[in-house]
Amino acid sequence: MSNEINKKVINLFSNHKKNVISSESNDKVKFFAGFNYVKLKKDTNGNKFNKENLLKYAKKCHYMVTVMRELDGEIVLYSYDVPNSELFKFMKSFEENTLDGAIIEIDKYFPEDLA
């Protein structure tokens, strides 16, 4: 997935607030389970998605999750390295109060791409 797709989706949501549909796409912003979403059937090159390629991509992906906590009267940040396969488990730990704090940022990265 590229930043180009992310920008396209962000633009769609921005336009949705103005009740306008992006001129780049015929996709409409829809709402389900409390969230806005856009369904994509093809990549930016017009090709249908390949299940195996997407799963390979997801397996390589990690997230750096930055969490803010107050500790001894000071604000501190914790950065967690969360593999894609563990992301839901990580998020659920906040719901179950195993972890606490406020999620400040979630960045996607690929460990093998690091210099």
Protein backbone atom coordinates (compact mmCIF):
# COMPACT_ATOMS: atom_id res chain seq x y z
CA MET A 1 0.00 0.00 0.00
CA SER A 2 1.33 3.42 -0.74
CA ASN A 3 0.92 6.86 0.69
CA GLU A 4 -0.98 7.67 -2.52
CA ILE A 5 -3.83 5.37 -1.44
CA ASN A 6 -3.80 6.90 2.05
CA LYS A 7 -4.05 10.41 0.59
CA LYS A 8 -6.91 9.31 -1.66
CA VAL A 9 -8.85 7.88 1.28
CA ILE A 10 -8.14 10.93 3.44
CA ASN A 11 -9.32 13.19 0.61
CA LEU A 12 -12.51 11.17 0.29
CA PHE A 13 -13.27 11.60 3.98
CA SER A 14 -12.46 15.31 3.86
CA ASN A 15 -14.80 15.75 0.92
CA HIS A 16 -17.46 13.67 2.67
CA LYS A 17 -17.68 16.28 5.43
CA LYS A 18 -18.71 18.73 2.73
CA ASN A 19 -21.15 16.15 1.26
CA VAL A 20 -19.02 15.98 -1.89
CA ILE A 21 -17.70 12.82 -3.53
CA SER A 22 -14.10 12.84 -4.71
CA SER A 23 -13.71 13.54 -8.42
CA GLU A 24 -10.93 10.91 -8.51
CA SER A 25 -13.27 8.09 -7.62
CA ASN A 26 -16.85 6.93 -7.89
CA ASP A 27 -16.54 5.37 -4.42
CA LYS A 28 -18.84 6.84 -1.82
CA VAL A 29 -18.06 7.23 1.84
CA LYS A 30 -20.30 4.93 3.82
CA PHE A 31 -20.92 4.47 7.53
CA PHE A 32 -20.97 1.19 9.47
CA ALA A 33 -20.38 0.15 13.09
CA GLY A 34 -19.73 3.75 14.10
CA PHE A 35 -17.06 4.49 11.46
CA ASN A 36 -16.82 6.01 8.00
CA TYR A 37 -15.25 3.80 5.37
CA VAL A 38 -14.56 3.56 1.66
CA LYS A 39 -14.60 0.21 -0.15
CA LEU A 40 -11.80 -0.17 -2.69
CA LYS A 41 -12.09 -2.85 -5.38
CA LYS A 42 -8.93 -2.00 -7.33
CA ASP A 43 -5.50 -0.52 -6.63
CA THR A 44 -4.32 2.84 -7.96
CA ASN A 45 -3.25 1.15 -11.22
CA GLY A 46 -6.74 -0.24 -11.81
CA ASN A 47 -5.78 -3.83 -10.95
CA LYS A 48 -7.92 -6.05 -8.75
CA PHE A 49 -6.39 -6.87 -5.38
CA ASN A 50 -4.46 -10.13 -4.96
CA LYS A 51 -5.20 -11.95 -1.69
CA GLU A 52 -1.79 -13.64 -1.38
CA ASN A 53 0.11 -10.41 -2.04
CA LEU A 54 -1.96 -8.50 0.52
CA LEU A 55 -1.41 -11.19 3.16
CA LYS A 56 2.35 -11.20 2.48
CA TYR A 57 2.37 -7.41 2.79
CA ALA A 58 0.44 -7.54 6.08
CA LYS A 59 2.77 -10.17 7.54
CA LYS A 60 5.79 -7.87 7.01
CA CYS A 61 4.06 -4.81 8.43
CA HIS A 62 4.68 -3.53 11.97
CA TYR A 63 3.22 -0.55 13.82
CA MET A 64 4.98 1.81 16.19
CA VAL A 65 2.26 2.75 18.67
CA THR A 66 3.01 5.76 20.86
CA VAL A 67 1.13 5.83 24.16
CA MET A 68 1.05 8.76 26.59
CA ARG A 69 0.92 8.12 30.34
CA GLU A 70 1.30 10.22 33.45
CA LEU A 71 3.98 8.82 35.75
CA ASP A 72 4.96 10.48 39.01
CA GLY A 73 3.41 13.78 37.91
CA GLU A 74 5.25 13.78 34.56
CA ILE A 75 3.97 13.01 31.09
CA VAL A 76 5.91 10.18 29.46
CA LEU A 77 5.63 8.46 26.09
CA TYR A 78 5.96 4.75 25.49
CA SER A 79 6.62 3.44 21.99
CA TYR A 80 5.48 -0.12 21.33
CA ASP A 81 6.61 -2.21 18.34
CA VAL A 82 3.47 -4.13 17.39
CA PRO A 83 3.49 -6.68 14.53
CA ASN A 84 0.42 -6.52 12.29
CA SER A 85 -0.74 -9.95 13.52
CA GLU A 86 -0.78 -8.63 17.14
CA LEU A 87 -2.43 -5.24 16.52
CA PHE A 88 -5.96 -6.28 17.53
CA LYS A 89 -4.64 -8.02 20.65
CA PHE A 90 -2.68 -4.86 21.54
CA MET A 91 -5.74 -2.62 21.11
CA LYS A 92 -7.93 -5.01 23.10
CA SER A 93 -5.49 -4.79 26.02
CA PHE A 94 -6.54 -1.14 26.45
CA GLU A 95 -10.20 -2.13 26.53
CA GLU A 96 -9.45 -4.82 29.13
CA ASN A 97 -7.30 -2.36 31.15
CA THR A 98 -4.18 -4.53 30.84
CA LEU A 99 -2.54 -1.45 29.31
CA ASP A 100 -3.54 2.14 30.03
CA GLY A 101 -2.83 5.57 28.64
CA ALA A 102 -3.83 7.52 25.58
CA ILE A 103 -2.80 6.38 22.12
CA ILE A 104 -1.12 9.39 20.57
CA GLU A 105 0.04 8.01 17.23
CA ILE A 106 0.22 4.84 15.18
CA ASP A 107 2.92 4.69 12.48
CA LYS A 108 3.28 1.85 10.02
CA TYR A 109 6.76 0.61 9.15
CA PHE A 110 8.59 -2.39 7.74
CA PRO A 111 11.55 -3.62 9.86
CA GLU A 112 13.50 -4.90 6.84
CA ASP A 113 13.32 -1.41 5.27
CA LEU A 114 15.24 0.18 8.14
CA ALA A 115 18.72 1.39 7.24
